[in-house]
Amino acid sequence: MTLRMHTVAVKQLPETLNAKRGRLFFDELESCVNVDRPHLVLDCSNVQQMDSSALLLLLCCLEEAMKRNGDVKLAGIPEGARVVLGLTGLDRLFEIYDTNADAVNSFRRVSVGTASHVGAPHDMLRPSENAA
């Protein structure tokens, strides 16, 4: 088995995002996500406000990465922005790390547990018979 290391791109989100600035930022990311299996870390440490423009940008980045079998992870999210991600449910779509280094390293780890989910017994996939 040969494991190929992929480059992990780290990009700093701007302090404030409106529709125009978000589009410019997304255009800058094109070279990072327009590859096979893109690995992208978005550094959110400077984000002052997580509004609808920022949320849309995060979703667009994730969508483009997933189209190419990649992933986007978030790092350094201020507490106020974490609350917004939680309220909108986006915290369930992204892996969130305290630091860029932790997020980058998460791409490099080979999880032994992942292989155990392949071929899991069908019983694990069925809803509980006791569920109403």
Protein backbone atom coordinates (compact mmCIF):
# COMPACT_ATOMS: atom_id res chain seq x y z
CA MET A 1 0.00 0.00 0.00
CA THR A 2 1.40 3.38 -1.00
CA LEU A 3 0.34 6.49 0.89
CA ARG A 4 0.66 9.75 -0.99
CA MET A 5 1.08 12.95 0.96
CA HIS A 6 -1.05 15.84 -0.20
CA THR A 7 -0.20 19.47 0.26
CA VAL A 8 -2.27 21.23 2.90
CA ALA A 9 -3.07 24.85 2.07
CA VAL A 10 -3.66 27.26 4.95
CA LYS A 11 -5.58 30.45 4.12
CA GLN A 12 -6.39 33.32 6.45
CA LEU A 13 -10.00 34.50 6.36
CA PRO A 14 -10.34 38.29 6.31
CA GLU A 15 -11.58 40.12 9.42
CA THR A 16 -14.78 41.13 7.71
CA LEU A 17 -16.58 39.62 4.78
CA ASN A 18 -19.27 41.03 2.61
CA ALA A 19 -20.52 39.47 -0.62
CA LYS A 20 -17.87 41.18 -2.78
CA ARG A 21 -14.95 40.48 -0.46
CA GLY A 22 -16.09 36.88 0.00
CA ARG A 23 -16.17 36.37 -3.77
CA LEU A 24 -12.64 37.79 -4.11
CA PHE A 25 -11.40 35.50 -1.34
CA PHE A 26 -13.10 32.51 -2.95
CA ASP A 27 -11.48 33.36 -6.29
CA GLU A 28 -8.08 33.39 -4.55
CA LEU A 29 -8.77 29.89 -3.22
CA GLU A 30 -9.46 28.47 -6.67
CA SER A 31 -5.90 27.24 -7.14
CA CYS A 32 -6.04 25.49 -3.75
CA VAL A 33 -9.33 23.67 -4.30
CA ASN A 34 -9.07 23.03 -8.03
CA VAL A 35 -6.82 19.99 -7.50
CA ASP A 36 -7.40 16.31 -6.80
CA ARG A 37 -8.23 15.77 -3.11
CA PRO A 38 -7.69 19.34 -1.89
CA HIS A 39 -6.76 19.76 1.76
CA LEU A 40 -7.57 23.23 3.01
CA VAL A 41 -7.35 24.83 6.43
CA LEU A 42 -9.17 28.12 6.87
CA ASP A 43 -7.60 30.21 9.62
CA CYS A 44 -10.49 32.08 11.21
CA SER A 45 -8.51 33.74 14.01
CA ASN A 46 -8.98 37.28 12.62
CA VAL A 47 -12.70 36.95 11.92
CA GLN A 48 -14.55 39.72 13.74
CA GLN A 49 -18.06 38.68 12.78
CA MET A 50 -19.45 35.43 11.37
CA ASP A 51 -22.37 36.67 9.29
CA SER A 52 -24.27 35.13 6.38
CA SER A 53 -21.55 36.10 3.88
CA ALA A 54 -18.91 34.29 5.93
CA LEU A 55 -21.14 31.24 6.40
CA LEU A 56 -21.85 31.08 2.67
CA LEU A 57 -18.13 31.33 1.92
CA LEU A 58 -17.38 28.42 4.26
CA LEU A 59 -20.06 26.30 2.62
CA CYS A 60 -18.85 27.14 -0.90
CA CYS A 61 -15.28 26.20 0.03
CA LEU A 62 -16.43 22.91 1.51
CA GLU A 63 -18.62 22.14 -1.50
CA GLU A 64 -15.80 22.73 -3.98
CA ALA A 65 -13.35 20.64 -1.95
CA MET A 66 -15.84 17.78 -1.57
CA LYS A 67 -16.50 17.74 -5.33
CA ARG A 68 -12.84 16.79 -5.66
CA ASN A 69 -12.78 14.30 -2.74
CA GLY A 70 -11.08 16.81 -0.46
CA ASP A 71 -11.90 18.52 2.80
CA VAL A 72 -11.85 21.89 4.53
CA LYS A 73 -11.05 22.25 8.20
CA LEU A 74 -11.38 25.35 10.36
CA ALA A 75 -8.86 26.67 12.86
CA GLY A 76 -8.61 29.45 15.44
CA ILE A 77 -12.28 30.33 15.54
CA PRO A 78 -13.10 33.10 18.04
CA GLU A 79 -15.76 32.26 20.63
CA GLY A 80 -18.46 34.46 19.08
CA ALA A 81 -17.98 32.82 15.68
CA ARG A 82 -18.11 29.36 17.31
CA VAL A 83 -21.48 30.24 18.76
CA VAL A 84 -22.79 31.23 15.32
CA LEU A 85 -21.45 28.00 13.80
CA GLY A 86 -23.22 26.05 16.54
CA LEU A 87 -26.51 27.89 16.13
CA THR A 88 -26.51 27.33 12.38
CA GLY A 89 -25.41 23.69 12.64
CA LEU A 90 -22.30 24.30 10.54
CA ASP A 91 -20.11 23.09 13.40
CA ARG A 92 -21.28 19.59 12.45
CA LEU A 93 -20.04 19.93 8.86
CA PHE A 94 -16.50 21.03 9.66
CA GLU A 95 -13.72 19.67 11.82
CA ILE A 96 -12.69 22.58 14.04
CA TYR A 97 -9.25 22.93 15.63
CA ASP A 98 -7.74 25.44 18.02
CA THR A 99 -4.63 25.99 15.92
CA ASN A 100 -3.57 25.83 12.28
CA ALA A 101 -0.92 23.27 13.20
CA ASP A 102 -3.51 20.94 14.74
CA ALA A 103 -5.71 21.24 11.66
CA VAL A 104 -2.81 20.63 9.26
CA ASN A 105 -1.65 17.62 11.29
CA SER A 106 -5.15 16.14 11.22
CA PHE A 107 -4.79 15.72 7.45
CA ARG A 108 -1.53 13.84 7.93
CA ARG A 109 -2.84 11.30 10.43
CA VAL A 110 -3.84 7.89 9.19
CA SER A 111 -6.73 6.77 11.29
CA VAL A 112 -6.74 3.05 12.07
CA GLY A 113 -10.36 3.36 13.21
CA THR A 114 -11.48 4.47 9.76
CA ALA A 115 -10.68 1.10 8.22
CA SER A 116 -12.83 -0.69 10.81
CA HIS A 117 -15.96 1.11 9.56
CA VAL A 118 -15.56 -0.34 6.09
CA GLY A 119 -17.64 -3.46 5.87
CA ALA A 120 -19.39 -2.81 9.17
CA PRO A 121 -22.13 -5.34 9.96
CA HIS A 122 -25.49 -4.40 8.52
CA ASP A 123 -26.99 -4.47 12.01
CA MET A 124 -25.03 -1.32 12.78
CA LEU A 125 -26.72 0.42 9.84
CA ARG A 126 -30.30 -0.53 10.75
CA PRO A 127 -32.39 1.69 12.99
CA SER A 128 -33.10 0.25 16.40
CA GLU A 129 -36.14 -2.02 16.46
CA ASN A 130 -37.24 -0.27 19.65
CA ALA A 131 -37.27 3.16 17.98
CA ALA A 132 -40.71 4.53 17.31
